[in-house]
Amino acid sequence: MIGKSQSSKGDSKPSPPTEEISGYFGKETVFEGKMTFEGVFRMEGRFEGEIFESGTLIVGESAVVKGKIGANIIIVNGQIEGEVIAKERVEIHATGQFHGNLITPILTISEGGFFDGNCKMEKRTEKEEEPHLISPQIDRPLSA
């Protein structure tokens, strides 16, 4: 008998962004302002503003996002224009377009994906991040 196998755990490994979506903007949604979220958030509509220290942002094919974005992971299938800081990675898929400045340790651009701007790839470790969040002063020797 040929059919779907329901116990094919070892066949493929889902990536973290496929976890349950905790928030969603539909195609007809227009939002302007400041936002933060935890988990996975999917946008299909228009957003203009700022996103702060958030989880995984999925920009759907119909989405247009303009502004400053700070997230762990950003998956681009639509359009982003602005300044983006991703702590873990950015993926620009075949239908995705990015215009602006990007800081991320990992950048993946699929064939057909578009990137126009500047990218700074810097690896951050937890030990380096924590002192910056707690105090702007770091003990290090002064240059003469």
N, C-alpha and C. Protein backbone atom coordinates (compact mmCIF):
# COMPACT_ATOMS: atom_id res chain seq x y z
N MET A 1 0.85 -1.18 0.00
CA MET A 1 0.00 0.00 0.00
C MET A 1 0.89 1.23 0.00
N ILE A 2 0.60 2.15 -0.89
CA ILE A 2 1.38 3.38 -0.99
C ILE A 2 0.58 4.49 -0.32
N GLY A 3 1.24 5.27 0.50
CA GLY A 3 0.56 6.35 1.20
C GLY A 3 1.54 7.17 1.99
N LYS A 4 1.04 8.12 2.73
CA LYS A 4 1.89 8.97 3.56
C LYS A 4 2.36 8.21 4.78
N SER A 5 3.62 8.38 5.09
CA SER A 5 4.15 7.79 6.31
C SER A 5 3.98 8.81 7.42
N GLN A 6 3.34 8.41 8.47
CA GLN A 6 3.12 9.35 9.56
C GLN A 6 4.19 9.29 10.62
N SER A 7 5.11 8.35 10.48
CA SER A 7 6.17 8.25 11.48
C SER A 7 7.54 8.44 10.83
N SER A 8 7.66 9.44 9.98
CA SER A 8 8.92 9.69 9.27
C SER A 8 9.72 10.79 9.96
N LYS A 9 10.07 10.53 11.21
CA LYS A 9 10.81 11.51 12.01
C LYS A 9 12.20 11.80 11.46
N GLY A 10 12.88 10.80 10.92
CA GLY A 10 14.25 10.97 10.46
C GLY A 10 14.36 11.47 9.03
N ASP A 11 13.25 11.60 8.28
CA ASP A 11 13.31 12.00 6.88
C ASP A 11 13.79 13.42 6.68
N SER A 12 13.25 14.36 7.39
CA SER A 12 13.66 15.75 7.23
C SER A 12 13.67 16.43 8.58
N LYS A 13 14.50 17.43 8.67
CA LYS A 13 14.66 18.15 9.93
C LYS A 13 14.08 19.55 9.76
N PRO A 14 12.96 19.88 10.39
CA PRO A 14 12.38 21.20 10.23
C PRO A 14 13.27 22.27 10.85
N SER A 15 13.35 23.41 10.19
CA SER A 15 14.14 24.51 10.72
C SER A 15 13.34 25.20 11.82
N PRO A 16 14.00 25.90 12.75
CA PRO A 16 13.31 26.53 13.87
C PRO A 16 12.15 27.45 13.48
N PRO A 17 12.23 28.22 12.36
CA PRO A 17 11.12 29.11 12.02
C PRO A 17 9.81 28.40 11.71
N THR A 18 9.81 27.08 11.50
CA THR A 18 8.57 26.38 11.21
C THR A 18 7.79 26.06 12.48
N GLU A 19 8.30 26.47 13.64
CA GLU A 19 7.55 26.24 14.87
C GLU A 19 6.26 27.05 14.81
N GLU A 20 5.38 26.83 15.74
CA GLU A 20 4.07 27.45 15.73
C GLU A 20 4.15 28.97 15.67
N ILE A 21 3.35 29.56 14.80
CA ILE A 21 3.32 31.02 14.64
C ILE A 21 2.53 31.62 15.80
N SER A 22 3.15 32.59 16.49
CA SER A 22 2.51 33.19 17.65
C SER A 22 1.77 34.49 17.30
N GLY A 23 2.03 35.06 16.12
CA GLY A 23 1.34 36.27 15.69
C GLY A 23 1.30 36.36 14.18
N TYR A 24 0.30 37.10 13.64
CA TYR A 24 0.12 37.14 12.20
C TYR A 24 -0.54 38.45 11.79
N PHE A 25 -0.01 39.09 10.72
CA PHE A 25 -0.66 40.22 10.05
C PHE A 25 -1.09 39.72 8.69
N GLY A 26 -2.36 39.82 8.36
CA GLY A 26 -2.86 39.39 7.06
C GLY A 26 -2.54 40.39 5.96
N LYS A 27 -2.86 40.03 4.72
CA LYS A 27 -2.57 40.85 3.55
C LYS A 27 -3.19 42.23 3.63
N GLU A 28 -4.36 42.34 4.21
CA GLU A 28 -5.07 43.61 4.27
C GLU A 28 -4.67 44.47 5.47
N THR A 29 -3.77 43.99 6.31
CA THR A 29 -3.37 44.71 7.52
C THR A 29 -2.32 45.76 7.21
N VAL A 30 -2.53 46.97 7.74
CA VAL A 30 -1.55 48.05 7.64
C VAL A 30 -1.28 48.50 9.07
N PHE A 31 0.00 48.50 9.46
CA PHE A 31 0.36 48.86 10.83
C PHE A 31 1.50 49.86 10.79
N GLU A 32 1.39 50.91 11.59
CA GLU A 32 2.46 51.90 11.71
C GLU A 32 2.71 52.10 13.19
N GLY A 33 3.98 51.96 13.60
CA GLY A 33 4.30 52.16 15.00
C GLY A 33 5.46 51.32 15.47
N LYS A 34 5.45 50.99 16.77
CA LYS A 34 6.52 50.22 17.40
C LYS A 34 5.94 48.90 17.88
N MET A 35 6.75 47.84 17.72
CA MET A 35 6.24 46.52 18.05
C MET A 35 7.35 45.64 18.61
N THR A 36 6.98 44.70 19.46
CA THR A 36 7.87 43.66 19.94
C THR A 36 7.04 42.39 20.05
N PHE A 37 7.69 41.25 19.88
CA PHE A 37 6.98 39.98 19.97
C PHE A 37 7.94 38.89 20.39
N GLU A 38 7.38 37.78 20.86
CA GLU A 38 8.16 36.59 21.19
C GLU A 38 7.70 35.48 20.26
N GLY A 39 8.54 34.51 20.06
CA GLY A 39 8.17 33.39 19.20
C GLY A 39 8.32 33.75 17.73
N VAL A 40 7.37 33.26 16.92
CA VAL A 40 7.41 33.45 15.48
C VAL A 40 6.25 34.35 15.07
N PHE A 41 6.56 35.40 14.31
CA PHE A 41 5.55 36.35 13.84
C PHE A 41 5.62 36.40 12.32
N ARG A 42 4.47 36.24 11.65
CA ARG A 42 4.41 36.27 10.19
C ARG A 42 3.64 37.50 9.74
N MET A 43 4.23 38.22 8.78
CA MET A 43 3.59 39.41 8.21
C MET A 43 3.29 39.17 6.74
N GLU A 44 2.08 39.52 6.32
CA GLU A 44 1.70 39.48 4.91
C GLU A 44 1.27 40.87 4.45
N GLY A 45 1.00 41.77 5.39
CA GLY A 45 0.52 43.11 5.07
C GLY A 45 1.66 44.12 5.03
N ARG A 46 1.32 45.37 5.35
CA ARG A 46 2.29 46.47 5.33
C ARG A 46 2.60 46.89 6.77
N PHE A 47 3.89 47.13 7.02
CA PHE A 47 4.33 47.57 8.34
C PHE A 47 5.34 48.69 8.15
N GLU A 48 5.17 49.77 8.91
CA GLU A 48 6.16 50.85 8.91
C GLU A 48 6.41 51.25 10.35
N GLY A 49 7.68 51.21 10.76
CA GLY A 49 8.00 51.56 12.14
C GLY A 49 9.22 50.84 12.65
N GLU A 50 9.13 50.40 13.91
CA GLU A 50 10.26 49.74 14.57
C GLU A 50 9.82 48.44 15.22
N ILE A 51 10.69 47.45 15.10
CA ILE A 51 10.48 46.18 15.78
C ILE A 51 11.69 45.98 16.68
N PHE A 52 11.46 45.76 17.98
CA PHE A 52 12.53 45.68 18.96
C PHE A 52 12.76 44.26 19.44
N GLU A 53 14.02 43.86 19.60
CA GLU A 53 14.44 42.65 20.32
C GLU A 53 13.39 41.55 20.29
N SER A 54 13.10 41.03 19.13
CA SER A 54 12.03 40.06 18.99
C SER A 54 12.55 38.71 18.53
N GLY A 55 11.65 37.76 18.39
CA GLY A 55 11.98 36.39 18.01
C GLY A 55 12.26 36.23 16.53
N THR A 56 11.46 35.41 15.86
CA THR A 56 11.62 35.14 14.43
C THR A 56 10.56 35.91 13.66
N LEU A 57 11.01 36.68 12.68
CA LEU A 57 10.10 37.45 11.83
C LEU A 57 10.09 36.82 10.45
N ILE A 58 8.90 36.43 9.98
CA ILE A 58 8.74 35.91 8.63
C ILE A 58 8.00 36.97 7.82
N VAL A 59 8.67 37.50 6.80
CA VAL A 59 8.08 38.51 5.93
C VAL A 59 7.54 37.76 4.72
N GLY A 60 6.22 37.64 4.62
CA GLY A 60 5.57 36.89 3.56
C GLY A 60 5.71 37.59 2.21
N GLU A 61 5.36 36.87 1.14
CA GLU A 61 5.52 37.38 -0.23
C GLU A 61 4.78 38.68 -0.48
N SER A 62 3.64 38.88 0.14
CA SER A 62 2.86 40.10 -0.10
C SER A 62 3.23 41.23 0.86
N ALA A 63 4.13 40.99 1.79
CA ALA A 63 4.47 41.97 2.83
C ALA A 63 5.45 43.03 2.34
N VAL A 64 5.26 44.25 2.86
CA VAL A 64 6.19 45.35 2.66
C VAL A 64 6.48 45.92 4.04
N VAL A 65 7.76 45.84 4.46
CA VAL A 65 8.16 46.27 5.78
C VAL A 65 9.20 47.38 5.63
N LYS A 66 8.94 48.53 6.29
CA LYS A 66 9.87 49.66 6.24
C LYS A 66 10.16 50.11 7.65
N GLY A 67 11.47 50.32 7.93
CA GLY A 67 11.83 50.82 9.25
C GLY A 67 13.04 50.15 9.84
N LYS A 68 13.11 50.15 11.18
CA LYS A 68 14.20 49.53 11.92
C LYS A 68 13.70 48.23 12.52
N ILE A 69 14.49 47.16 12.30
CA ILE A 69 14.07 45.85 12.79
C ILE A 69 15.20 45.23 13.61
N GLY A 70 14.86 44.73 14.78
CA GLY A 70 15.78 43.97 15.61
C GLY A 70 15.12 42.65 15.96
N ALA A 71 15.67 41.55 15.47
CA ALA A 71 15.08 40.23 15.72
C ALA A 71 16.18 39.18 15.75
N ASN A 72 15.84 38.00 16.24
CA ASN A 72 16.82 36.91 16.23
C ASN A 72 17.02 36.37 14.83
N ILE A 73 15.92 36.03 14.17
CA ILE A 73 15.96 35.46 12.82
C ILE A 73 14.96 36.22 11.96
N ILE A 74 15.37 36.53 10.72
CA ILE A 74 14.48 37.20 9.79
C ILE A 74 14.48 36.41 8.49
N ILE A 75 13.28 36.03 8.06
CA ILE A 75 13.11 35.29 6.81
C ILE A 75 12.34 36.19 5.85
N VAL A 76 12.97 36.50 4.71
CA VAL A 76 12.42 37.48 3.78
C VAL A 76 11.90 36.79 2.52
N ASN A 77 10.58 36.83 2.35
CA ASN A 77 9.93 36.37 1.13
C ASN A 77 9.29 37.55 0.40
N GLY A 78 9.11 38.67 1.09
CA GLY A 78 8.52 39.88 0.54
C GLY A 78 9.58 40.96 0.47
N GLN A 79 9.22 42.20 0.87
CA GLN A 79 10.15 43.33 0.79
C GLN A 79 10.44 43.92 2.16
N ILE A 80 11.72 44.21 2.39
CA ILE A 80 12.14 44.95 3.58
C ILE A 80 12.98 46.11 3.12
N GLU A 81 12.71 47.28 3.70
CA GLU A 81 13.51 48.48 3.43
C GLU A 81 13.83 49.14 4.76
N GLY A 82 15.13 49.27 5.07
CA GLY A 82 15.48 49.92 6.32
C GLY A 82 16.75 49.39 6.93
N GLU A 83 16.82 49.51 8.26
CA GLU A 83 17.98 49.07 9.03
C GLU A 83 17.58 47.83 9.82
N VAL A 84 18.38 46.76 9.66
CA VAL A 84 18.04 45.48 10.29
C VAL A 84 19.24 44.94 11.06
N ILE A 85 18.96 44.49 12.28
CA ILE A 85 19.96 43.78 13.08
C ILE A 85 19.34 42.44 13.46
N ALA A 86 19.97 41.37 12.99
CA ALA A 86 19.50 40.02 13.31
C ALA A 86 20.58 39.33 14.13
N LYS A 87 20.23 38.86 15.32
CA LYS A 87 21.21 38.24 16.21
C LYS A 87 21.70 36.89 15.70
N GLU A 88 20.85 36.13 15.01
CA GLU A 88 21.23 34.79 14.56
C GLU A 88 21.46 34.71 13.06
N ARG A 89 20.45 35.10 12.24
CA ARG A 89 20.63 35.00 10.79
C ARG A 89 19.51 35.72 10.04
N VAL A 90 19.81 35.96 8.75
CA VAL A 90 18.83 36.50 7.81
C VAL A 90 18.82 35.59 6.59
N GLU A 91 17.62 35.23 6.15
CA GLU A 91 17.45 34.43 4.95
C GLU A 91 16.62 35.23 3.96
N ILE A 92 17.19 35.49 2.77
CA ILE A 92 16.44 36.15 1.71
C ILE A 92 16.11 35.07 0.68
N HIS A 93 14.84 34.75 0.57
CA HIS A 93 14.41 33.68 -0.32
C HIS A 93 14.20 34.21 -1.74
N ALA A 94 13.85 33.34 -2.68
CA ALA A 94 13.77 33.67 -4.10
C ALA A 94 12.86 34.87 -4.40
N THR A 95 11.79 35.05 -3.65
CA THR A 95 10.88 36.17 -3.89
C THR A 95 11.19 37.37 -3.00
N GLY A 96 12.20 37.26 -2.15
CA GLY A 96 12.53 38.30 -1.18
C GLY A 96 13.37 39.42 -1.74
N GLN A 97 13.15 40.63 -1.21
CA GLN A 97 13.93 41.80 -1.57
C GLN A 97 14.31 42.55 -0.30
N PHE A 98 15.58 42.93 -0.22
CA PHE A 98 16.06 43.70 0.93
C PHE A 98 16.79 44.92 0.42
N HIS A 99 16.40 46.10 0.93
CA HIS A 99 17.05 47.37 0.60
C HIS A 99 17.42 48.04 1.92
N GLY A 100 18.73 48.26 2.15
CA GLY A 100 19.11 48.95 3.37
C GLY A 100 20.39 48.44 3.99
N ASN A 101 20.50 48.64 5.29
CA ASN A 101 21.67 48.25 6.05
C ASN A 101 21.34 47.04 6.92
N LEU A 102 22.27 46.09 6.93
CA LEU A 102 22.02 44.83 7.61
C LEU A 102 23.24 44.46 8.46
N ILE A 103 22.97 44.04 9.70
CA ILE A 103 24.00 43.49 10.58
C ILE A 103 23.50 42.12 11.03
N THR A 104 24.27 41.09 10.72
CA THR A 104 23.90 39.72 11.08
C THR A 104 25.12 38.82 11.00
N PRO A 105 25.19 37.78 11.83
CA PRO A 105 26.34 36.87 11.71
C PRO A 105 26.23 35.93 10.51
N ILE A 106 24.99 35.64 10.05
CA ILE A 106 24.79 34.72 8.93
C ILE A 106 23.79 35.33 7.96
N LEU A 107 24.15 35.37 6.68
CA LEU A 107 23.26 35.86 5.62
C LEU A 107 23.18 34.81 4.53
N THR A 108 21.95 34.41 4.20
CA THR A 108 21.73 33.46 3.12
C THR A 108 20.82 34.10 2.10
N ILE A 109 21.25 34.10 0.82
CA ILE A 109 20.43 34.65 -0.25
C ILE A 109 20.20 33.54 -1.28
N SER A 110 18.95 33.16 -1.46
CA SER A 110 18.60 32.12 -2.44
C SER A 110 18.66 32.72 -3.84
N GLU A 111 18.80 31.85 -4.83
CA GLU A 111 18.79 32.29 -6.21
C GLU A 111 17.48 33.02 -6.49
N GLY A 112 17.57 34.22 -7.04
CA GLY A 112 16.39 35.04 -7.28
C GLY A 112 16.16 36.08 -6.20
N GLY A 113 16.72 35.86 -5.02
CA GLY A 113 16.61 36.82 -3.93
C GLY A 113 17.41 38.08 -4.27
N PHE A 114 17.00 39.23 -3.73
CA PHE A 114 17.61 40.51 -4.07
C PHE A 114 18.11 41.21 -2.81
N PHE A 115 19.34 41.69 -2.85
CA PHE A 115 19.93 42.45 -1.75
C PHE A 115 20.56 43.71 -2.32
N ASP A 116 20.15 44.88 -1.82
CA ASP A 116 20.71 46.15 -2.25
C ASP A 116 21.00 46.96 -0.99
N GLY A 117 22.28 47.07 -0.63
CA GLY A 117 22.61 47.82 0.57
C GLY A 117 23.95 47.42 1.12
N ASN A 118 24.10 47.59 2.42
CA ASN A 118 25.34 47.28 3.12
C ASN A 118 25.09 46.17 4.12
N CYS A 119 26.05 45.28 4.24
CA CYS A 119 25.94 44.20 5.21
C CYS A 119 27.21 44.11 6.03
N LYS A 120 27.05 44.07 7.33
CA LYS A 120 28.17 43.85 8.24
C LYS A 120 27.89 42.54 8.96
N MET A 121 28.79 41.59 8.78
CA MET A 121 28.61 40.28 9.40
C MET A 121 29.54 40.19 10.59
N GLU A 122 28.95 40.20 11.77
CA GLU A 122 29.76 40.11 12.99
C GLU A 122 29.20 39.03 13.89
N LYS A 123 30.09 38.20 14.33
CA LYS A 123 29.72 37.10 15.24
C LYS A 123 29.70 37.63 16.66
N ARG A 124 28.62 37.42 17.36
CA ARG A 124 28.51 37.86 18.75
C ARG A 124 28.43 36.64 19.65
N THR A 125 29.18 36.66 20.72
CA THR A 125 29.09 35.59 21.70
C THR A 125 28.31 36.12 22.89
N GLU A 126 27.76 35.22 23.67
CA GLU A 126 26.98 35.62 24.84
C GLU A 126 27.80 36.43 25.81
N LYS A 127 29.09 36.07 25.98
CA LYS A 127 29.95 36.79 26.92
C LYS A 127 30.16 38.23 26.47
N GLU A 128 30.21 38.46 25.15
CA GLU A 128 30.39 39.83 24.65
C GLU A 128 29.11 40.63 24.75
N GLU A 129 27.95 39.99 24.55
CA GLU A 129 26.68 40.70 24.54
C GLU A 129 26.28 41.16 25.93
N GLU A 130 26.40 40.33 26.92
CA GLU A 130 25.91 40.63 28.26
C GLU A 130 26.47 41.93 28.85
N PRO A 131 27.79 42.19 28.84
CA PRO A 131 28.28 43.43 29.43
C PRO A 131 27.71 44.67 28.74
N HIS A 132 27.47 44.61 27.44
CA HIS A 132 26.92 45.75 26.72
C HIS A 132 25.49 46.05 27.18
N LEU A 133 24.74 44.98 27.49
CA LEU A 133 23.37 45.17 27.91
C LEU A 133 23.29 45.67 29.35
N ILE A 134 24.23 45.25 30.18
CA ILE A 134 24.19 45.61 31.59
C ILE A 134 24.82 46.99 31.82
N SER A 135 25.98 47.21 31.25
CA SER A 135 26.69 48.46 31.46
C SER A 135 27.50 48.84 30.23
N PRO A 136 27.45 50.09 29.81
CA PRO A 136 28.21 50.50 28.64
C PRO A 136 29.72 50.56 28.90
N GLN A 137 30.13 50.51 30.17
CA GLN A 137 31.55 50.56 30.49
C GLN A 137 32.12 49.15 30.60
N ILE A 138 33.21 48.92 29.88
CA ILE A 138 33.85 47.63 29.89
C ILE A 138 35.28 47.83 30.35
N ASP A 139 35.74 46.96 31.26
CA ASP A 139 37.12 47.07 31.74
C ASP A 139 38.08 46.63 30.65
N ARG A 140 38.81 47.56 30.10
CA ARG A 140 39.86 47.25 29.15
C ARG A 140 40.88 48.37 29.20
N PRO A 141 42.14 48.06 28.85
CA PRO A 141 43.17 49.09 28.92
C PRO A 141 42.91 50.23 27.95
N LEU A 142 43.27 51.43 28.39
CA LEU A 142 43.13 52.60 27.53
C LEU A 142 44.32 52.72 26.59
N SER A 143 44.04 53.12 25.38
CA SER A 143 45.13 53.33 24.41
C SER A 143 45.79 54.66 24.68
N ALA A 144 47.11 54.71 24.47
CA ALA A 144 47.83 55.96 24.71
C ALA A 144 47.92 56.78 23.45
